[in-house]
Amino acid sequence: MGSFSIWHWLIVLVIVMLVFGTKKLRSVGSDLGGAVKGFKEGMKEGTAAVDAAGKPTGPAGQVGHTIEGEAKKEKV
């Protein structure tokens, strides 16, 4: 842990709890946990978008496909 002992970290933790309060720290922790959970679910949805034939479906499966068309300049 570098040059800091466990007592240094305990003192820092007590000071942080005094400044922010336990209620605020608890809500920040739950918000962070919810964000991580949502991120993990989003990553699973992106990789699990495969149909029965094994081909990717949805927006994640459309990466690399070319859409044919013409680009026209807009007259000002």
PDB file of N, CA and C in Angstrom:
ATOM      1  N   MET A   1       0.813  -1.189   0.000  1.00  0.00           N
ATOM      2  CA  MET A   1       0.000   0.000   0.000  1.00  0.00           C
ATOM      3  C   MET A   1       0.858   1.256   0.000  1.00  0.00           C
ATOM      4  N   GLY A   2       2.048   1.128  -0.417  1.00  0.00           N
ATOM      5  CA  GLY A   2       2.884   2.316  -0.474  1.00  0.00           C
ATOM      6  C   GLY A   2       3.389   2.710   0.895  1.00  0.00           C
ATOM      7  N   SER A   3       3.525   3.999   1.120  1.00  0.00           N
ATOM      8  CA  SER A   3       4.063   4.482   2.386  1.00  0.00           C
ATOM      9  C   SER A   3       2.970   4.706   3.437  1.00  0.00           C
ATOM     10  N   PHE A   4       1.690   4.498   3.068  1.00  0.00           N
ATOM     11  CA  PHE A   4       0.606   4.698   4.022  1.00  0.00           C
ATOM     12  C   PHE A   4       0.235   3.392   4.695  1.00  0.00           C
ATOM     13  N   SER A   5      -0.002   3.458   6.001  1.00  0.00           N
ATOM     14  CA  SER A   5      -0.426   2.271   6.732  1.00  0.00           C
ATOM     15  C   SER A   5      -1.957   2.241   6.789  1.00  0.00           C
ATOM     16  N   ILE A   6      -2.483   1.216   7.391  1.00  0.00           N
ATOM     17  CA  ILE A   6      -3.936   1.072   7.513  1.00  0.00           C
ATOM     18  C   ILE A   6      -4.518   2.198   8.364  1.00  0.00           C
ATOM     19  N   TRP A   7      -3.751   2.695   9.313  1.00  0.00           N
ATOM     20  CA  TRP A   7      -4.244   3.770  10.188  1.00  0.00           C
ATOM     21  C   TRP A   7      -4.424   5.065   9.412  1.00  0.00           C
ATOM     22  N   HIS A   8      -3.554   5.327   8.462  1.00  0.00           N
ATOM     23  CA  HIS A   8      -3.722   6.517   7.629  1.00  0.00           C
ATOM     24  C   HIS A   8      -5.034   6.446   6.842  1.00  0.00           C
ATOM     25  N   TRP A   9      -5.305   5.276   6.271  1.00  0.00           N
ATOM     26  CA  TRP A   9      -6.526   5.112   5.475  1.00  0.00           C
ATOM     27  C   TRP A   9      -7.774   5.183   6.347  1.00  0.00           C
ATOM     28  N   LEU A  10      -7.711   4.659   7.562  1.00  0.00           N
ATOM     29  CA  LEU A  10      -8.855   4.751   8.473  1.00  0.00           C
ATOM     30  C   LEU A  10      -9.152   6.201   8.856  1.00  0.00           C
ATOM     31  N   ILE A  11      -8.110   6.979   9.083  1.00  0.00           N
ATOM     32  CA  ILE A  11      -8.296   8.397   9.415  1.00  0.00           C
ATOM     33  C   ILE A  11      -8.903   9.141   8.225  1.00  0.00           C
ATOM     34  N   VAL A  12      -8.437   8.845   7.020  1.00  0.00           N
ATOM     35  CA  VAL A  12      -9.002   9.466   5.815  1.00  0.00           C
ATOM     36  C   VAL A  12     -10.468   9.078   5.668  1.00  0.00           C
ATOM     37  N   LEU A  13     -10.797   7.819   5.919  1.00  0.00           N
ATOM     38  CA  LEU A  13     -12.184   7.363   5.823  1.00  0.00           C
ATOM     39  C   LEU A  13     -13.079   8.080   6.829  1.00  0.00           C
ATOM     40  N   VAL A  14     -12.612   8.252   8.050  1.00  0.00           N
ATOM     41  CA  VAL A  14     -13.395   8.959   9.071  1.00  0.00           C
ATOM     42  C   VAL A  14     -13.614  10.419   8.659  1.00  0.00           C
ATOM     43  N   ILE A  15     -12.595  11.061   8.137  1.00  0.00           N
ATOM     44  CA  ILE A  15     -12.735  12.462   7.712  1.00  0.00           C
ATOM     45  C   ILE A  15     -13.729  12.571   6.556  1.00  0.00           C
ATOM     46  N   VAL A  16     -13.662  11.655   5.598  1.00  0.00           N
ATOM     47  CA  VAL A  16     -14.603  11.674   4.474  1.00  0.00           C
ATOM     48  C   VAL A  16     -16.022  11.467   4.972  1.00  0.00           C
ATOM     49  N   MET A  17     -16.216  10.550   5.922  1.00  0.00           N
ATOM     50  CA  MET A  17     -17.554  10.311   6.473  1.00  0.00           C
ATOM     51  C   MET A  17     -18.066  11.532   7.218  1.00  0.00           C
ATOM     52  N   LEU A  18     -17.191  12.250   7.904  1.00  0.00           N
ATOM     53  CA  LEU A  18     -17.607  13.463   8.605  1.00  0.00           C
ATOM     54  C   LEU A  18     -17.979  14.577   7.629  1.00  0.00           C
ATOM     55  N   VAL A  19     -17.249  14.689   6.546  1.00  0.00           N
ATOM     56  CA  VAL A  19     -17.509  15.758   5.579  1.00  0.00           C
ATOM     57  C   VAL A  19     -18.781  15.478   4.786  1.00  0.00           C
ATOM     58  N   PHE A  20     -18.917  14.277   4.243  1.00  0.00           N
ATOM     59  CA  PHE A  20     -20.040  13.978   3.349  1.00  0.00           C
ATOM     60  C   PHE A  20     -21.233  13.356   4.066  1.00  0.00           C
ATOM     61  N   GLY A  21     -21.014  12.670   5.130  1.00  0.00           N
ATOM     62  CA  GLY A  21     -22.099  11.987   5.823  1.00  0.00           C
ATOM     63  C   GLY A  21     -22.344  10.613   5.230  1.00  0.00           C
ATOM     64  N   THR A  22     -22.845   9.706   6.046  1.00  0.00           N
ATOM     65  CA  THR A  22     -23.031   8.332   5.590  1.00  0.00           C
ATOM     66  C   THR A  22     -24.175   8.222   4.593  1.00  0.00           C
ATOM     67  N   LYS A  23     -25.210   9.048   4.743  1.00  0.00           N
ATOM     68  CA  LYS A  23     -26.355   8.980   3.837  1.00  0.00           C
ATOM     69  C   LYS A  23     -25.942   9.342   2.412  1.00  0.00           C
ATOM     70  N   LYS A  24     -25.154  10.387   2.273  1.00  0.00           N
ATOM     71  CA  LYS A  24     -24.696  10.826   0.951  1.00  0.00           C
ATOM     72  C   LYS A  24     -23.765   9.775   0.334  1.00  0.00           C
ATOM     73  N   LEU A  25     -22.860   9.218   1.141  1.00  0.00           N
ATOM     74  CA  LEU A  25     -21.948   8.199   0.629  1.00  0.00           C
ATOM     75  C   LEU A  25     -22.709   6.949   0.197  1.00  0.00           C
ATOM     76  N   ARG A  26     -23.755   6.585   0.928  1.00  0.00           N
ATOM     77  CA  ARG A  26     -24.554   5.417   0.582  1.00  0.00           C
ATOM     78  C   ARG A  26     -25.270   5.637  -0.750  1.00  0.00           C
ATOM     79  N   SER A  27     -25.816   6.836  -0.957  1.00  0.00           N
ATOM     80  CA  SER A  27     -26.521   7.104  -2.212  1.00  0.00           C
ATOM     81  C   SER A  27     -25.543   7.151  -3.387  1.00  0.00           C
ATOM     82  N   VAL A  28     -24.348   7.685  -3.180  1.00  0.00           N
ATOM     83  CA  VAL A  28     -23.341   7.701  -4.248  1.00  0.00           C
ATOM     84  C   VAL A  28     -22.940   6.274  -4.592  1.00  0.00           C
ATOM     85  N   GLY A  29     -22.788   5.430  -3.588  1.00  0.00           N
ATOM     86  CA  GLY A  29     -22.429   4.030  -3.833  1.00  0.00           C
ATOM     87  C   GLY A  29     -23.502   3.278  -4.590  1.00  0.00           C
ATOM     88  N   SER A  30     -24.762   3.507  -4.235  1.00  0.00           N
ATOM     89  CA  SER A  30     -25.843   2.816  -4.944  1.00  0.00           C
ATOM     90  C   SER A  30     -25.988   3.330  -6.365  1.00  0.00           C
ATOM     91  N   ASP A  31     -25.781   4.629  -6.583  1.00  0.00           N
ATOM     92  CA  ASP A  31     -25.823   5.177  -7.942  1.00  0.00           C
ATOM     93  C   ASP A  31     -24.714   4.596  -8.804  1.00  0.00           C
ATOM     94  N   LEU A  32     -23.532   4.488  -8.237  1.00  0.00           N
ATOM     95  CA  LEU A  32     -22.408   3.921  -8.973  1.00  0.00           C
ATOM     96  C   LEU A  32     -22.648   2.442  -9.288  1.00  0.00           C
ATOM     97  N   GLY A  33     -23.188   1.710  -8.328  1.00  0.00           N
ATOM     98  CA  GLY A  33     -23.500   0.301  -8.560  1.00  0.00           C
ATOM     99  C   GLY A  33     -24.546   0.119  -9.641  1.00  0.00           C
ATOM    100  N   GLY A  34     -25.570   0.985  -9.650  1.00  0.00           N
ATOM    101  CA  GLY A  34     -26.600   0.910 -10.685  1.00  0.00           C
ATOM    102  C   GLY A  34     -26.041   1.225 -12.062  1.00  0.00           C
ATOM    103  N   ALA A  35     -25.127   2.174 -12.124  1.00  0.00           N
ATOM    104  CA  ALA A  35     -24.513   2.522 -13.407  1.00  0.00           C
ATOM    105  C   ALA A  35     -23.674   1.368 -13.944  1.00  0.00           C
ATOM    106  N   VAL A  36     -22.921   0.715 -13.069  1.00  0.00           N
ATOM    107  CA  VAL A  36     -22.105  -0.426 -13.492  1.00  0.00           C
ATOM    108  C   VAL A  36     -22.998  -1.566 -13.953  1.00  0.00           C
ATOM    109  N   LYS A  37     -24.094  -1.812 -13.240  1.00  0.00           N
ATOM    110  CA  LYS A  37     -25.019  -2.877 -13.622  1.00  0.00           C
ATOM    111  C   LYS A  37     -25.644  -2.584 -14.983  1.00  0.00           C
ATOM    112  N   GLY A  38     -26.059  -1.338 -15.197  1.00  0.00           N
ATOM    113  CA  GLY A  38     -26.629  -0.958 -16.482  1.00  0.00           C
ATOM    114  C   GLY A  38     -25.628  -1.101 -17.619  1.00  0.00           C
ATOM    115  N   PHE A  39     -24.371  -0.752 -17.366  1.00  0.00           N
ATOM    116  CA  PHE A  39     -23.328  -0.893 -18.373  1.00  0.00           C
ATOM    117  C   PHE A  39     -23.124  -2.359 -18.735  1.00  0.00           C
ATOM    118  N   LYS A  40     -23.095  -3.232 -17.735  1.00  0.00           N
ATOM    119  CA  LYS A  40     -22.903  -4.657 -17.999  1.00  0.00           C
ATOM    120  C   LYS A  40     -24.057  -5.226 -18.808  1.00  0.00           C
ATOM    121  N   GLU A  41     -25.298  -4.833 -18.478  1.00  0.00           N
ATOM    122  CA  GLU A  41     -26.460  -5.303 -19.229  1.00  0.00           C
ATOM    123  C   GLU A  41     -26.419  -4.808 -20.663  1.00  0.00           C
ATOM    124  N   GLY A  42     -25.972  -3.577 -20.866  1.00  0.00           N
ATOM    125  CA  GLY A  42     -25.848  -3.039 -22.213  1.00  0.00           C
ATOM    126  C   GLY A  42     -24.809  -3.789 -23.031  1.00  0.00           C
ATOM    127  N   MET A  43     -23.727  -4.167 -22.393  1.00  0.00           N
ATOM    128  CA  MET A  43     -22.697  -4.926 -23.106  1.00  0.00           C
ATOM    129  C   MET A  43     -23.201  -6.316 -23.480  1.00  0.00           C
ATOM    130  N   LYS A  44     -23.994  -6.931 -22.604  1.00  0.00           N
ATOM    131  CA  LYS A  44     -24.549  -8.253 -22.914  1.00  0.00           C
ATOM    132  C   LYS A  44     -25.534  -8.166 -24.065  1.00  0.00           C
ATOM    133  N   GLU A  45     -26.362  -7.120 -24.114  1.00  0.00           N
ATOM    134  CA  GLU A  45     -27.328  -6.955 -25.191  1.00  0.00           C
ATOM    135  C   GLU A  45     -26.628  -6.770 -26.524  1.00  0.00           C
ATOM    136  N   GLY A  46     -25.517  -6.067 -26.523  1.00  0.00           N
ATOM    137  CA  GLY A  46     -24.779  -5.836 -27.758  1.00  0.00           C
ATOM    138  C   GLY A  46     -24.168  -7.109 -28.330  1.00  0.00           C
ATOM    139  N   THR A  47     -23.733  -8.006 -27.468  1.00  0.00           N
ATOM    140  CA  THR A  47     -23.115  -9.241 -27.950  1.00  0.00           C
ATOM    141  C   THR A  47     -24.131 -10.360 -28.120  1.00  0.00           C
ATOM    142  N   ALA A  48     -25.282 -10.266 -27.489  1.00  0.00           N
ATOM    143  CA  ALA A  48     -26.276 -11.329 -27.550  1.00  0.00           C
ATOM    144  C   ALA A  48     -27.267 -11.139 -28.689  1.00  0.00           C
ATOM    145  N   ALA A  49     -27.095 -10.130 -29.510  1.00  0.00           N
ATOM    146  CA  ALA A  49     -28.026  -9.872 -30.598  1.00  0.00           C
ATOM    147  C   ALA A  49     -27.685 -10.767 -31.787  1.00  0.00           C
ATOM    148  N   VAL A  50     -28.006 -12.069 -31.664  1.00  0.00           N
ATOM    149  CA  VAL A  50     -27.734 -13.048 -32.707  1.00  0.00           C
ATOM    150  C   VAL A  50     -29.011 -13.838 -32.935  1.00  0.00           C
ATOM    151  N   ASP A  51     -29.389 -14.041 -34.217  1.00  0.00           N
ATOM    152  CA  ASP A  51     -30.606 -14.793 -34.496  1.00  0.00           C
ATOM    153  C   ASP A  51     -30.320 -16.294 -34.465  1.00  0.00           C
ATOM    154  N   ALA A  52     -31.307 -17.119 -34.822  1.00  0.00           N
ATOM    155  CA  ALA A  52     -31.174 -18.564 -34.743  1.00  0.00           C
ATOM    156  C   ALA A  52     -30.116 -19.107 -35.704  1.00  0.00           C
ATOM    157  N   ALA A  53     -29.886 -18.425 -36.812  1.00  0.00           N
ATOM    158  CA  ALA A  53     -28.901 -18.890 -37.792  1.00  0.00           C
ATOM    159  C   ALA A  53     -27.485 -18.508 -37.397  1.00  0.00           C
ATOM    160  N   GLY A  54     -27.332 -17.757 -36.325  1.00  0.00           N
ATOM    161  CA  GLY A  54     -26.006 -17.364 -35.879  1.00  0.00           C
ATOM    162  C   GLY A  54     -25.530 -16.056 -36.471  1.00  0.00           C
ATOM    163  N   LYS A  55     -26.425 -15.379 -37.193  1.00  0.00           N
ATOM    164  CA  LYS A  55     -26.055 -14.097 -37.781  1.00  0.00           C
ATOM    165  C   LYS A  55     -26.441 -12.972 -36.837  1.00  0.00           C
ATOM    166  N   PRO A  56     -25.613 -11.967 -36.699  1.00  0.00           N
ATOM    167  CA  PRO A  56     -25.942 -10.829 -35.833  1.00  0.00           C
ATOM    168  C   PRO A  56     -27.164 -10.074 -36.343  1.00  0.00           C
ATOM    169  N   THR A  57     -27.968  -9.597 -35.393  1.00  0.00           N
ATOM    170  CA  THR A  57     -29.136  -8.799 -35.737  1.00  0.00           C
ATOM    171  C   THR A  57     -29.083  -7.476 -35.004  1.00  0.00           C
ATOM    172  N   GLY A  58     -29.898  -6.555 -35.408  1.00  0.00           N
ATOM    173  CA  GLY A  58     -29.980  -5.273 -34.710  1.00  0.00           C
ATOM    174  C   GLY A  58     -28.838  -4.353 -35.065  1.00  0.00           C
ATOM    175  N   PRO A  59     -28.738  -3.214 -34.363  1.00  0.00           N
ATOM    176  CA  PRO A  59     -27.711  -2.220 -34.674  1.00  0.00           C
ATOM    177  C   PRO A  59     -26.291  -2.750 -34.553  1.00  0.00           C
ATOM    178  N   ALA A  60     -26.039  -3.630 -33.596  1.00  0.00           N
ATOM    179  CA  ALA A  60     -24.688  -4.157 -33.428  1.00  0.00           C
ATOM    180  C   ALA A  60     -24.313  -5.065 -34.593  1.00  0.00           C
ATOM    181  N   GLY A  61     -25.307  -5.711 -35.192  1.00  0.00           N
ATOM    182  CA  GLY A  61     -25.052  -6.602 -36.313  1.00  0.00           C
ATOM    183  C   GLY A  61     -24.923  -5.876 -37.631  1.00  0.00           C
ATOM    184  N   GLN A  62     -25.247  -4.616 -37.693  1.00  0.00           N
ATOM    185  CA  GLN A  62     -25.205  -3.872 -38.935  1.00  0.00           C
ATOM    186  C   GLN A  62     -23.870  -3.199 -39.175  1.00  0.00           C
ATOM    187  N   VAL A  63     -22.943  -3.364 -38.295  1.00  0.00           N
ATOM    188  CA  VAL A  63     -21.628  -2.751 -38.452  1.00  0.00           C
ATOM    189  C   VAL A  63     -20.929  -3.387 -39.638  1.00  0.00           C
ATOM    190  N   GLY A  64     -20.429  -2.586 -40.550  1.00  0.00           N
ATOM    191  CA  GLY A  64     -19.696  -3.095 -41.692  1.00  0.00           C
ATOM    192  C   GLY A  64     -20.531  -3.234 -42.941  1.00  0.00           C
ATOM    193  N   HIS A  65     -21.836  -3.026 -42.881  1.00  0.00           N
ATOM    194  CA  HIS A  65     -22.671  -3.104 -44.066  1.00  0.00           C
ATOM    195  C   HIS A  65     -22.639  -1.768 -44.797  1.00  0.00           C
ATOM    196  N   THR A  66     -22.627  -1.842 -46.118  1.00  0.00           N
ATOM    197  CA  THR A  66     -22.603  -0.640 -46.935  1.00  0.00           C
ATOM    198  C   THR A  66     -24.008  -0.305 -47.396  1.00  0.00           C
ATOM    199  N   ILE A  67     -24.373   0.928 -47.257  1.00  0.00           N
ATOM    200  CA  ILE A  67     -25.664   1.407 -47.740  1.00  0.00           C
ATOM    201  C   ILE A  67     -25.386   2.190 -49.011  1.00  0.00           C
ATOM    202  N   GLU A  68     -26.006   1.749 -50.120  1.00  0.00           N
ATOM    203  CA  GLU A  68     -25.759   2.410 -51.381  1.00  0.00           C
ATOM    204  C   GLU A  68     -26.676   3.627 -51.519  1.00  0.00           C
ATOM    205  N   GLY A  69     -26.160   4.654 -52.135  1.00  0.00           N
ATOM    206  CA  GLY A  69     -26.934   5.865 -52.370  1.00  0.00           C
ATOM    207  C   GLY A  69     -26.036   6.944 -52.906  1.00  0.00           C
ATOM    208  N   GLU A  70     -26.625   8.088 -53.157  1.00  0.00           N
ATOM    209  CA  GLU A  70     -25.867   9.220 -53.662  1.00  0.00           C
ATOM    210  C   GLU A  70     -25.923  10.357 -52.671  1.00  0.00           C
ATOM    211  N   ALA A  71     -24.821  11.078 -52.566  1.00  0.00           N
ATOM    212  CA  ALA A  71     -24.773  12.261 -51.733  1.00  0.00           C
ATOM    213  C   ALA A  71     -24.926  13.480 -52.639  1.00  0.00           C
ATOM    214  N   LYS A  72     -25.827  14.352 -52.306  1.00  0.00           N
ATOM    215  CA  LYS A  72     -26.043  15.544 -53.116  1.00  0.00           C
ATOM    216  C   LYS A  72     -25.797  16.765 -52.256  1.00  0.00           C
ATOM    217  N   LYS A  73     -25.214  17.798 -52.894  1.00  0.00           N
ATOM    218  CA  LYS A  73     -24.990  19.047 -52.194  1.00  0.00           C
ATOM    219  C   LYS A  73     -26.287  19.823 -52.129  1.00  0.00           C
ATOM    220  N   GLU A  74     -26.493  20.427 -50.991  1.00  0.00           N
ATOM    221  CA  GLU A  74     -27.689  21.253 -50.808  1.00  0.00           C
ATOM    222  C   GLU A  74     -27.390  22.652 -51.319  1.00  0.00           C
ATOM    223  N   LYS A  75     -28.289  23.179 -52.108  1.00  0.00           N
ATOM    224  CA  LYS A  75     -28.109  24.524 -52.626  1.00  0.00           C
ATOM    225  C   LYS A  75     -28.519  25.532 -51.577  1.00  0.00           C
ATOM    226  N   VAL A  76     -27.681  26.519 -51.387  1.00  0.00           N
ATOM    227  CA  VAL A  76     -27.956  27.537 -50.370  1.00  0.00           C
ATOM    228  C   VAL A  76     -28.564  28.762 -50.964  1.00  0.00           C
TER     229      VAL A  76
END
